[in-house]
C-alpha atoms as a PDB file:
ATOM      1  CA  MET A   1     -52.941  -1.344 -61.340  1.00  0.00           C
ATOM      2  CA  ALA A   2     -53.770   0.021 -64.683  1.00  0.00           C
ATOM      3  CA  ALA A   3     -54.419   3.696 -63.608  1.00  0.00           C
ATOM      4  CA  PHE A   4     -50.718   2.635 -61.226  1.00  0.00           C
ATOM      5  CA  ASN A   5     -49.191   2.328 -64.629  1.00  0.00           C
ATOM      6  CA  VAL A   6     -50.472   5.026 -66.024  1.00  0.00           C
ATOM      7  CA  ILE A   7     -49.546   7.571 -63.779  1.00  0.00           C
ATOM      8  CA  PHE A   8     -45.963   6.434 -63.404  1.00  0.00           C
ATOM      9  CA  GLY A   9     -45.489   6.303 -67.313  1.00  0.00           C
ATOM     10  CA  CYS A  10     -46.735   9.589 -67.152  1.00  0.00           C
ATOM     11  CA  VAL A  11     -44.028  10.563 -64.252  1.00  0.00           C
ATOM     12  CA  MET A  12     -41.373   8.689 -65.514  1.00  0.00           C
ATOM     13  CA  ALA A  13     -41.703  10.851 -69.066  1.00  0.00           C
ATOM     14  CA  LEU A  14     -41.798  14.239 -67.252  1.00  0.00           C
ATOM     15  CA  LEU A  15     -38.231  13.174 -65.471  1.00  0.00           C
ATOM     16  CA  ILE A  16     -37.222  11.918 -68.751  1.00  0.00           C
ATOM     17  CA  ILE A  17     -38.355  15.283 -70.593  1.00  0.00           C
ATOM     18  CA  LEU A  18     -36.983  17.316 -67.531  1.00  0.00           C
ATOM     19  CA  PHE A  19     -33.307  15.568 -67.838  1.00  0.00           C
ATOM     20  CA  THR A  20     -33.218  16.346 -70.936  1.00  0.00           C
ATOM     21  CA  ILE A  21     -34.400  19.982 -71.944  1.00  0.00           C
ATOM     22  CA  SER A  22     -33.348  21.415 -67.860  1.00  0.00           C
ATOM     23  CA  SER A  23     -29.777  21.541 -66.630  1.00  0.00           C
ATOM     24  CA  ILE A  24     -31.296  21.824 -63.144  1.00  0.00           C
ATOM     25  CA  ALA A  25     -33.116  19.018 -62.994  1.00  0.00           C
ATOM     26  CA  ARG A  26     -30.803  17.300 -64.858  1.00  0.00           C
ATOM     27  CA  TYR A  27     -28.208  18.020 -61.806  1.00  0.00           C
ATOM     28  CA  TYR A  28     -30.889  17.136 -58.976  1.00  0.00           C
ATOM     29  CA  ILE A  29     -32.069  13.886 -60.776  1.00  0.00           C
ATOM     30  CA  LYS A  30     -28.243  12.487 -61.374  1.00  0.00           C
ATOM     31  CA  PHE A  31     -27.026  13.522 -57.586  1.00  0.00           C
ATOM     32  CA  THR A  32     -30.419  11.470 -56.174  1.00  0.00           C
ATOM     33  CA  LEU A  33     -29.258   8.638 -58.541  1.00  0.00           C
ATOM     34  CA  PHE A  34     -25.715   8.770 -57.436  1.00  0.00           C
ATOM     35  CA  VAL A  35     -26.669   8.873 -53.666  1.00  0.00           C
ATOM     36  CA  VAL A  36     -29.606   6.143 -53.626  1.00  0.00           C
ATOM     37  CA  LEU A  37     -27.647   3.725 -56.373  1.00  0.00           C
ATOM     38  CA  SER A  38     -24.603   4.540 -53.954  1.00  0.00           C
ATOM     39  CA  LEU A  39     -26.236   3.422 -50.831  1.00  0.00           C
ATOM     40  CA  VAL A  40     -27.815   0.149 -52.689  1.00  0.00           C
ATOM     41  CA  PHE A  41     -24.760  -0.888 -54.398  1.00  0.00           C
ATOM     42  CA  ALA A  42     -22.289  -0.039 -51.277  1.00  0.00           C
ATOM     43  CA  SER A  43     -24.617  -1.949 -49.002  1.00  0.00           C
ATOM     44  CA  ALA A  44     -26.501  -5.030 -50.613  1.00  0.00           C
ATOM     45  CA  PRO A  45     -23.207  -7.360 -50.160  1.00  0.00           C
ATOM     46  CA  LEU A  46     -23.455  -6.522 -46.902  1.00  0.00           C
ATOM     47  CA  PRO A  47     -24.086  -9.819 -44.953  1.00  0.00           C
ATOM     48  CA  LEU A  48     -20.680 -11.234 -47.123  1.00  0.00           C
ATOM     49  CA  MET A  49     -18.595  -9.216 -45.202  1.00  0.00           C
ATOM     50  CA  PHE A  50     -19.341 -10.286 -41.956  1.00  0.00           C
ATOM     51  CA  PHE A  51     -17.592 -13.361 -43.129  1.00  0.00           C
ATOM     52  CA  ARG A  52     -14.087 -11.442 -42.975  1.00  0.00           C
ATOM     53  CA  PRO A  53     -15.196  -8.289 -41.296  1.00  0.00           C
ATOM     54  CA  PHE A  54     -13.116  -4.622 -41.487  1.00  0.00           C
ATOM     55  CA  ASN A  55     -10.908  -6.367 -44.115  1.00  0.00           C
ATOM     56  CA  PRO A  56     -10.292  -3.806 -47.432  1.00  0.00           C
ATOM     57  CA  LYS A  57     -11.317  -6.656 -49.902  1.00  0.00           C
ATOM     58  CA  ASN A  58     -14.845  -6.290 -48.685  1.00  0.00           C
ATOM     59  CA  ALA A  59     -15.124  -2.867 -50.799  1.00  0.00           C
ATOM     60  CA  LEU A  60     -14.198  -4.562 -54.114  1.00  0.00           C
ATOM     61  CA  ILE A  61     -17.690  -6.043 -54.890  1.00  0.00           C
ATOM     62  CA  PRO A  62     -19.283  -2.375 -53.847  1.00  0.00           C
ATOM     63  CA  ALA A  63     -16.442  -0.818 -56.096  1.00  0.00           C
ATOM     64  CA  ALA A  64     -17.542  -2.464 -59.211  1.00  0.00           C
ATOM     65  CA  PHE A  65     -21.197  -1.698 -59.164  1.00  0.00           C
ATOM     66  CA  LEU A  66     -20.169   1.552 -58.270  1.00  0.00           C
ATOM     67  CA  ARG A  67     -17.936   1.734 -60.880  1.00  0.00           C
ATOM     68  CA  LEU A  68     -20.416   0.718 -63.254  1.00  0.00           C
ATOM     69  CA  THR A  69     -23.319   3.794 -62.040  1.00  0.00           C
ATOM     70  CA  ALA A  70     -20.668   6.545 -62.749  1.00  0.00           C
ATOM     71  CA  ARG A  71     -20.498   5.546 -66.098  1.00  0.00           C
ATOM     72  CA  MET A  72     -24.332   5.686 -66.373  1.00  0.00           C
ATOM     73  CA  LEU A  73     -24.370   9.122 -64.957  1.00  0.00           C
ATOM     74  CA  GLY A  74     -21.466   9.827 -67.895  1.00  0.00           C
ATOM     75  CA  ILE A  75     -18.374   9.947 -65.807  1.00  0.00           C
ATOM     76  CA  ARG A  76     -15.558   8.870 -67.979  1.00  0.00           C
ATOM     77  CA  TRP A  77     -11.554   8.147 -66.326  1.00  0.00           C
ATOM     78  CA  THR A  78      -7.666   7.802 -67.333  1.00  0.00           C
ATOM     79  CA  VAL A  79      -5.477   6.048 -64.289  1.00  0.00           C
ATOM     80  CA  ARG A  80      -2.137   7.367 -65.349  1.00  0.00           C
ATOM     81  CA  GLY A  81       1.092   6.094 -63.261  1.00  0.00           C
ATOM     82  CA  LEU A  82       0.272   2.826 -62.060  1.00  0.00           C
ATOM     83  CA  GLU A  83       3.837   1.816 -62.096  1.00  0.00           C
ATOM     84  CA  ASN A  84       4.319   3.916 -59.034  1.00  0.00           C
ATOM     85  CA  VAL A  85       1.874   1.788 -56.884  1.00  0.00           C
ATOM     86  CA  ASP A  86       4.367  -0.794 -54.507  1.00  0.00           C
ATOM     87  CA  ASP A  87       2.082  -2.899 -52.731  1.00  0.00           C
ATOM     88  CA  SER A  88       5.541  -5.068 -51.351  1.00  0.00           C
ATOM     89  CA  ARG A  89       4.788  -2.111 -48.805  1.00  0.00           C
ATOM     90  CA  GLY A  90       2.774  -0.112 -47.068  1.00  0.00           C
ATOM     91  CA  ALA A  91       2.005   4.078 -47.329  1.00  0.00           C
ATOM     92  CA  VAL A  92       0.259   6.952 -46.549  1.00  0.00           C
ATOM     93  CA  VAL A  93      -2.091   7.834 -49.720  1.00  0.00           C
ATOM     94  CA  LEU A  94      -2.884  11.675 -50.184  1.00  0.00           C
ATOM     95  CA  LEU A  95      -5.837  12.275 -52.472  1.00  0.00           C
ATOM     96  CA  ASN A  96      -7.599  15.812 -52.821  1.00  0.00           C
ATOM     97  CA  HIS A  97     -10.528  16.262 -52.110  1.00  0.00           C
ATOM     98  CA  GLN A  98     -13.631  17.581 -54.700  1.00  0.00           C
ATOM     99  CA  SER A  99     -16.490  16.556 -53.674  1.00  0.00           C
ATOM    100  CA  SER A 100     -18.979  12.907 -52.754  1.00  0.00           C
ATOM    101  CA  LEU A 101     -18.376  11.769 -55.961  1.00  0.00           C
ATOM    102  CA  ASP A 102     -14.881  11.238 -54.826  1.00  0.00           C
ATOM    103  CA  LEU A 103     -16.573   8.067 -53.892  1.00  0.00           C
ATOM    104  CA  TYR A 104     -16.382   7.060 -57.468  1.00  0.00           C
ATOM    105  CA  VAL A 105     -12.586   7.756 -57.709  1.00  0.00           C
ATOM    106  CA  LEU A 106     -12.195   5.348 -54.360  1.00  0.00           C
ATOM    107  CA  ALA A 107     -14.240   3.232 -56.429  1.00  0.00           C
ATOM    108  CA  VAL A 108     -11.543   3.055 -59.034  1.00  0.00           C
ATOM    109  CA  LEU A 109      -8.404   2.666 -56.481  1.00  0.00           C
ATOM    110  CA  TRP A 110      -9.505  -0.032 -54.001  1.00  0.00           C
ATOM    111  CA  PRO A 111      -9.085  -2.594 -57.039  1.00  0.00           C
ATOM    112  CA  LEU A 112      -5.691  -1.389 -57.639  1.00  0.00           C
ATOM    113  CA  MET A 113      -4.338  -0.633 -54.339  1.00  0.00           C
ATOM    114  CA  ALA A 114      -3.908  -3.818 -51.789  1.00  0.00           C
ATOM    115  CA  ARG A 115      -5.058  -3.252 -48.481  1.00  0.00           C
ATOM    116  CA  CYS A 116      -6.337   0.323 -48.874  1.00  0.00           C
ATOM    117  CA  THR A 117      -8.313   1.978 -46.025  1.00  0.00           C
ATOM    118  CA  VAL A 118      -9.784   4.838 -45.866  1.00  0.00           C
ATOM    119  CA  VAL A 119      -9.476   7.775 -42.985  1.00  0.00           C
ATOM    120  CA  SER A 120     -13.235   9.447 -43.279  1.00  0.00           C
ATOM    121  CA  LYS A 121     -15.361  11.531 -40.985  1.00  0.00           C
ATOM    122  CA  ARG A 122     -16.950  10.337 -38.437  1.00  0.00           C
ATOM    123  CA  GLU A 123     -20.258  11.542 -39.163  1.00  0.00           C
ATOM    124  CA  LEU A 124     -20.723   9.184 -42.049  1.00  0.00           C
ATOM    125  CA  GLN A 125     -20.529   6.056 -40.012  1.00  0.00           C
ATOM    126  CA  TYR A 126     -24.112   6.990 -38.931  1.00  0.00           C
ATOM    127  CA  LEU A 127     -25.295   7.200 -42.508  1.00  0.00           C
ATOM    128  CA  VAL A 128     -26.772   3.616 -41.968  1.00  0.00           C
ATOM    129  CA  PRO A 129     -26.307   1.507 -43.906  1.00  0.00           C
ATOM    130  CA  PHE A 130     -23.508   3.018 -46.527  1.00  0.00           C
ATOM    131  CA  GLY A 131     -21.808   3.678 -42.800  1.00  0.00           C
ATOM    132  CA  THR A 132     -22.119  -0.275 -41.306  1.00  0.00           C
ATOM    133  CA  ALA A 133     -20.939  -2.023 -45.205  1.00  0.00           C
ATOM    134  CA  SER A 134     -17.671   1.202 -44.643  1.00  0.00           C
ATOM    135  CA  TRP A 135     -16.929  -0.077 -41.446  1.00  0.00           C
ATOM    136  CA  MET A 136     -16.430  -3.575 -42.203  1.00  0.00           C
ATOM    137  CA  TRP A 137     -14.451  -3.056 -45.774  1.00  0.00           C
ATOM    138  CA  GLY A 138     -12.178  -1.508 -42.914  1.00  0.00           C
ATOM    139  CA  THR A 139     -12.758   2.813 -43.126  1.00  0.00           C
ATOM    140  CA  VAL A 140     -11.224   4.076 -40.038  1.00  0.00           C
ATOM    141  CA  PHE A 141     -13.820   7.292 -38.800  1.00  0.00           C
ATOM    142  CA  ILE A 142     -12.443   9.949 -36.933  1.00  0.00           C
ATOM    143  CA  ASP A 143     -13.823  12.703 -35.320  1.00  0.00           C
ATOM    144  CA  ARG A 144     -12.277  15.907 -36.999  1.00  0.00           C
ATOM    145  CA  GLY A 145     -10.267  18.416 -34.485  1.00  0.00           C
ATOM    146  CA  ALA A 146     -10.967  16.449 -31.383  1.00  0.00           C
ATOM    147  CA  SER A 147      -7.567  14.897 -29.419  1.00  0.00           C
ATOM    148  CA  THR A 148      -8.805  11.131 -30.237  1.00  0.00           C
ATOM    149  CA  ALA A 149      -8.273  11.715 -33.798  1.00  0.00           C
ATOM    150  CA  ARG A 150      -4.324  11.563 -32.918  1.00  0.00           C
ATOM    151  CA  SER A 151      -4.155   8.457 -30.896  1.00  0.00           C
ATOM    152  CA  VAL A 152      -7.069   6.422 -33.377  1.00  0.00           C
ATOM    153  CA  LEU A 153      -4.110   8.187 -36.612  1.00  0.00           C
ATOM    154  CA  ASN A 154      -1.679   6.599 -34.181  1.00  0.00           C
ATOM    155  CA  LYS A 155      -2.376   3.209 -34.892  1.00  0.00           C
ATOM    156  CA  GLN A 156      -3.148   3.532 -37.750  1.00  0.00           C
ATOM    157  CA  SER A 157       0.649   3.893 -38.187  1.00  0.00           C
ATOM    158  CA  GLU A 158       1.290   0.727 -36.640  1.00  0.00           C
ATOM    159  CA  ALA A 159      -0.463  -0.838 -39.171  1.00  0.00           C
ATOM    160  CA  VAL A 160       1.109   1.084 -42.872  1.00  0.00           C
ATOM    161  CA  LYS A 161       4.227  -0.428 -40.927  1.00  0.00           C
ATOM    162  CA  ASN A 162       3.262  -3.899 -39.938  1.00  0.00           C
ATOM    163  CA  HIS A 163       0.362  -5.002 -42.256  1.00  0.00           C
ATOM    164  CA  LYS A 164       1.725  -3.239 -45.368  1.00  0.00           C
ATOM    165  CA  ARG A 165      -1.768  -1.057 -44.805  1.00  0.00           C
ATOM    166  CA  LYS A 166      -2.174   1.571 -47.802  1.00  0.00           C
ATOM    167  CA  LEU A 167      -3.946   3.920 -45.538  1.00  0.00           C
ATOM    168  CA  LEU A 168      -6.060   7.209 -48.134  1.00  0.00           C
ATOM    169  CA  LEU A 169      -6.433  10.434 -45.973  1.00  0.00           C
ATOM    170  CA  PHE A 170      -7.879  13.652 -47.858  1.00  0.00           C
ATOM    171  CA  PRO A 171      -4.859  16.109 -46.811  1.00  0.00           C
ATOM    172  CA  GLU A 172      -6.641  19.185 -47.203  1.00  0.00           C
ATOM    173  CA  GLY A 173      -9.318  18.544 -44.359  1.00  0.00           C
ATOM    174  CA  THR A 174     -12.221  19.443 -46.737  1.00  0.00           C
ATOM    175  CA  ARG A 175     -13.799  19.518 -50.116  1.00  0.00           C
ATOM    176  CA  HIS A 176     -13.331  22.027 -52.733  1.00  0.00           C
ATOM    177  CA  SER A 177     -13.960  23.584 -56.199  1.00  0.00           C
ATOM    178  CA  GLY A 178     -11.340  25.446 -57.234  1.00  0.00           C
ATOM    179  CA  ASP A 179      -8.429  25.554 -58.734  1.00  0.00           C
ATOM    180  CA  LYS A 180      -5.830  25.501 -56.043  1.00  0.00           C
ATOM    181  CA  LEU A 181      -5.394  22.830 -53.745  1.00  0.00           C
ATOM    182  CA  LEU A 182      -6.094  23.928 -49.285  1.00  0.00           C
ATOM    183  CA  PRO A 183      -3.154  24.032 -47.701  1.00  0.00           C
ATOM    184  CA  PHE A 184      -2.591  20.790 -46.155  1.00  0.00           C
ATOM    185  CA  ARG A 185      -2.670  19.179 -42.473  1.00  0.00           C
ATOM    186  CA  LYS A 186       0.095  18.057 -41.204  1.00  0.00           C
ATOM    187  CA  GLY A 187      -2.139  14.568 -39.529  1.00  0.00           C
ATOM    188  CA  ALA A 188      -1.083  12.303 -42.676  1.00  0.00           C
ATOM    189  CA  PHE A 189       2.266  13.451 -42.533  1.00  0.00           C
ATOM    190  CA  HIS A 190       3.073  12.351 -38.748  1.00  0.00           C
ATOM    191  CA  VAL A 191       1.089   9.123 -39.603  1.00  0.00           C
ATOM    192  CA  ALA A 192       3.981   8.445 -42.558  1.00  0.00           C
ATOM    193  CA  LEU A 193       6.693   9.789 -40.650  1.00  0.00           C
ATOM    194  CA  ASP A 194       5.709   7.817 -37.364  1.00  0.00           C
ATOM    195  CA  ALA A 195       5.243   4.492 -39.604  1.00  0.00           C
ATOM    196  CA  GLY A 196       8.632   5.424 -41.870  1.00  0.00           C
ATOM    197  CA  ALA A 197       6.519   4.390 -44.545  1.00  0.00           C
ATOM    198  CA  PRO A 198       6.374   6.700 -48.244  1.00  0.00           C
ATOM    199  CA  ILE A 199       3.986   8.969 -49.113  1.00  0.00           C
ATOM    200  CA  GLN A 200       1.423   8.107 -52.020  1.00  0.00           C
ATOM    201  CA  PRO A 201       0.206  11.111 -53.606  1.00  0.00           C
ATOM    202  CA  ILE A 202      -2.642  10.453 -55.847  1.00  0.00           C
ATOM    203  CA  VAL A 203      -4.294  13.795 -57.790  1.00  0.00           C
ATOM    204  CA  VAL A 204      -7.648  13.783 -59.880  1.00  0.00           C
ATOM    205  CA  SER A 205      -7.996  16.219 -61.915  1.00  0.00           C
ATOM    206  CA  LYS A 206     -10.816  18.761 -62.087  1.00  0.00           C
ATOM    207  CA  TYR A 207     -14.891  18.195 -62.437  1.00  0.00           C
ATOM    208  CA  HIS A 208     -15.189  20.691 -64.867  1.00  0.00           C
ATOM    209  CA  PHE A 209     -18.031  18.757 -65.226  1.00  0.00           C
ATOM    210  CA  LEU A 210     -19.874  19.388 -62.044  1.00  0.00           C
ATOM    211  CA  ASP A 211     -20.935  22.997 -60.513  1.00  0.00           C
ATOM    212  CA  SER A 212     -22.617  22.858 -57.275  1.00  0.00           C
ATOM    213  CA  GLU A 213     -23.258  26.612 -57.062  1.00  0.00           C
ATOM    214  CA  ARG A 214     -25.016  27.161 -61.051  1.00  0.00           C
ATOM    215  CA  HIS A 215     -26.737  23.366 -60.461  1.00  0.00           C
ATOM    216  CA  ARG A 216     -24.493  21.544 -63.324  1.00  0.00           C
ATOM    217  CA  PHE A 217     -23.790  18.082 -63.862  1.00  0.00           C
ATOM    218  CA  ASN A 218     -23.270  17.007 -67.082  1.00  0.00           C
ATOM    219  CA  SER A 219     -20.959  13.931 -68.505  1.00  0.00           C
ATOM    220  CA  GLY A 220     -17.176  14.051 -68.251  1.00  0.00           C
ATOM    221  CA  GLU A 221     -13.688  12.979 -67.867  1.00  0.00           C
ATOM    222  CA  ILE A 222     -11.717  12.838 -64.490  1.00  0.00           C
ATOM    223  CA  ILE A 223      -7.494  11.759 -64.810  1.00  0.00           C
ATOM    224  CA  ILE A 224      -6.402   9.996 -61.766  1.00  0.00           C
ATOM    225  CA  THR A 225      -2.640  10.437 -61.842  1.00  0.00           C
ATOM    226  CA  ILE A 226      -0.457   8.532 -59.094  1.00  0.00           C
ATOM    227  CA  LEU A 227       2.727  10.252 -58.364  1.00  0.00           C
ATOM    228  CA  PRO A 228       6.028   8.458 -57.762  1.00  0.00           C
ATOM    229  CA  LEU A 229       6.406   7.962 -53.986  1.00  0.00           C
ATOM    230  CA  ILE A 230       8.130  10.452 -51.544  1.00  0.00           C
ATOM    231  CA  GLU A 231      10.287   8.945 -49.391  1.00  0.00           C
ATOM    232  CA  THR A 232      10.324   9.692 -45.813  1.00  0.00           C
ATOM    233  CA  GLU A 233      13.376   7.709 -44.805  1.00  0.00           C
ATOM    234  CA  GLY A 234      15.979  10.087 -42.843  1.00  0.00           C
ATOM    235  CA  THR A 235      12.792  12.993 -42.592  1.00  0.00           C
ATOM    236  CA  ASN A 236      12.425  14.206 -39.034  1.00  0.00           C
ATOM    237  CA  LYS A 237       9.415  15.302 -37.348  1.00  0.00           C
ATOM    238  CA  GLU A 238      11.433  19.075 -37.481  1.00  0.00           C
ATOM    239  CA  ASP A 239      11.247  18.462 -41.388  1.00  0.00           C
ATOM    240  CA  ILE A 240       7.818  18.248 -41.889  1.00  0.00           C
ATOM    241  CA  SER A 241       6.950  21.373 -43.048  1.00  0.00           C
ATOM    242  CA  THR A 242       8.989  20.378 -45.528  1.00  0.00           C
ATOM    243  CA  LEU A 243       7.692  16.943 -46.218  1.00  0.00           C
ATOM    244  CA  VAL A 244       3.979  19.036 -46.461  1.00  0.00           C
ATOM    245  CA  GLU A 245       5.291  21.676 -48.858  1.00  0.00           C
ATOM    246  CA  THR A 246       6.744  19.346 -50.685  1.00  0.00           C
ATOM    247  CA  ALA A 247       3.733  16.931 -51.506  1.00  0.00           C
ATOM    248  CA  GLN A 248       1.348  19.941 -51.311  1.00  0.00           C
ATOM    249  CA  HIS A 249       4.006  21.321 -54.705  1.00  0.00           C
ATOM    250  CA  LYS A 250       3.688  17.983 -56.316  1.00  0.00           C
ATOM    251  CA  MET A 251       0.432  17.871 -56.272  1.00  0.00           C
ATOM    252  CA  GLN A 252      -0.967  21.394 -56.807  1.00  0.00           C
ATOM    253  CA  GLU A 253       1.446  21.017 -60.177  1.00  0.00           C
ATOM    254  CA  GLU A 254      -0.335  17.950 -61.234  1.00  0.00           C
ATOM    255  CA  PHE A 255      -3.767  19.144 -60.377  1.00  0.00           C
ATOM    256  CA  SER A 256      -3.262  22.760 -62.380  1.00  0.00           C
ATOM    257  CA  ARG A 257      -1.866  20.165 -65.371  1.00  0.00           C
ATOM    258  CA  THR A 258      -4.498  17.600 -65.986  1.00  0.00           C
ATOM    259  CA  SER A 259      -7.218  20.016 -65.122  1.00  0.00           C
ATOM    260  CA  ALA A 260      -5.888  21.856 -67.829  1.00  0.00           C
ATOM    261  CA  GLU A 261      -6.446  18.448 -69.885  1.00  0.00           C
ATOM    262  CA  THR A 262     -10.124  18.188 -69.378  1.00  0.00           C
ATOM    263  CA  PHE A 263     -10.756  21.611 -69.741  1.00  0.00           C
ATOM    264  CA  THR A 264     -10.114  21.285 -73.020  1.00  0.00           C
ATOM    265  CA  MET A 265     -11.433  17.989 -73.326  1.00  0.00           C
ATOM    266  CA  HIS A 266     -15.137  19.392 -71.746  1.00  0.00           C
ATOM    267  CA  SER A 267     -14.914  22.360 -73.865  1.00  0.00           C
ATOM    268  CA  MET A 268     -14.870  20.164 -77.203  1.00  0.00           C
ATOM    269  CA  HIS A 269     -17.971  18.426 -75.685  1.00  0.00           C
END
């Protein structure tokens, strides 16, 4: 036992030294902590979720722990535009997609938006037990590009319309770390039009503290902006391209503005 304590102490000391002096070591250590702690904290309340299966409220306890781990990793956030959230009706929520760290953004949003359900790729469902926990808090899993994805989203339009559900999608379809948002796919907009529901754009500023190519994961600030609703009443399917362009333009404009703001914050540290 004494030998184990010595070895454990030496390993921890080495990790602390590497974390302090090596940005590459810090990158891998922090991402390892992100993955491990996310799996643990998202899955620990799983037994409680069986009392109200597929309820978005099941995400609230994991979200609280995830916000705590985000702060442990040096990620701070500011939320703007809370006055634009209308919980009296459903909406299709659009969120730009940058990294797996977007999970922390969801953890911030869940307590702020009632009945919020996330649409995610099917592969995450098989990441047990995280996928199981996600399923129990109502995540909608789809096979991207498959013909079944459209029918699944069609069913969700009924939940948005009849149960005031907030359906959150990543309109870019894949994550990226560039300065320009990727072209938006139309699936989310079809759901909004089918449900007769507004679109709620939410923009997260660029993760200047994260650089996967250079293996940098520092501390940093993000700004989460909830933009005003884009009403779809009176819009038909023939006008969907205009609706997509309008949403993308508004989100790109806010992304550029807040990313410049957080870049200034990042440069000062």
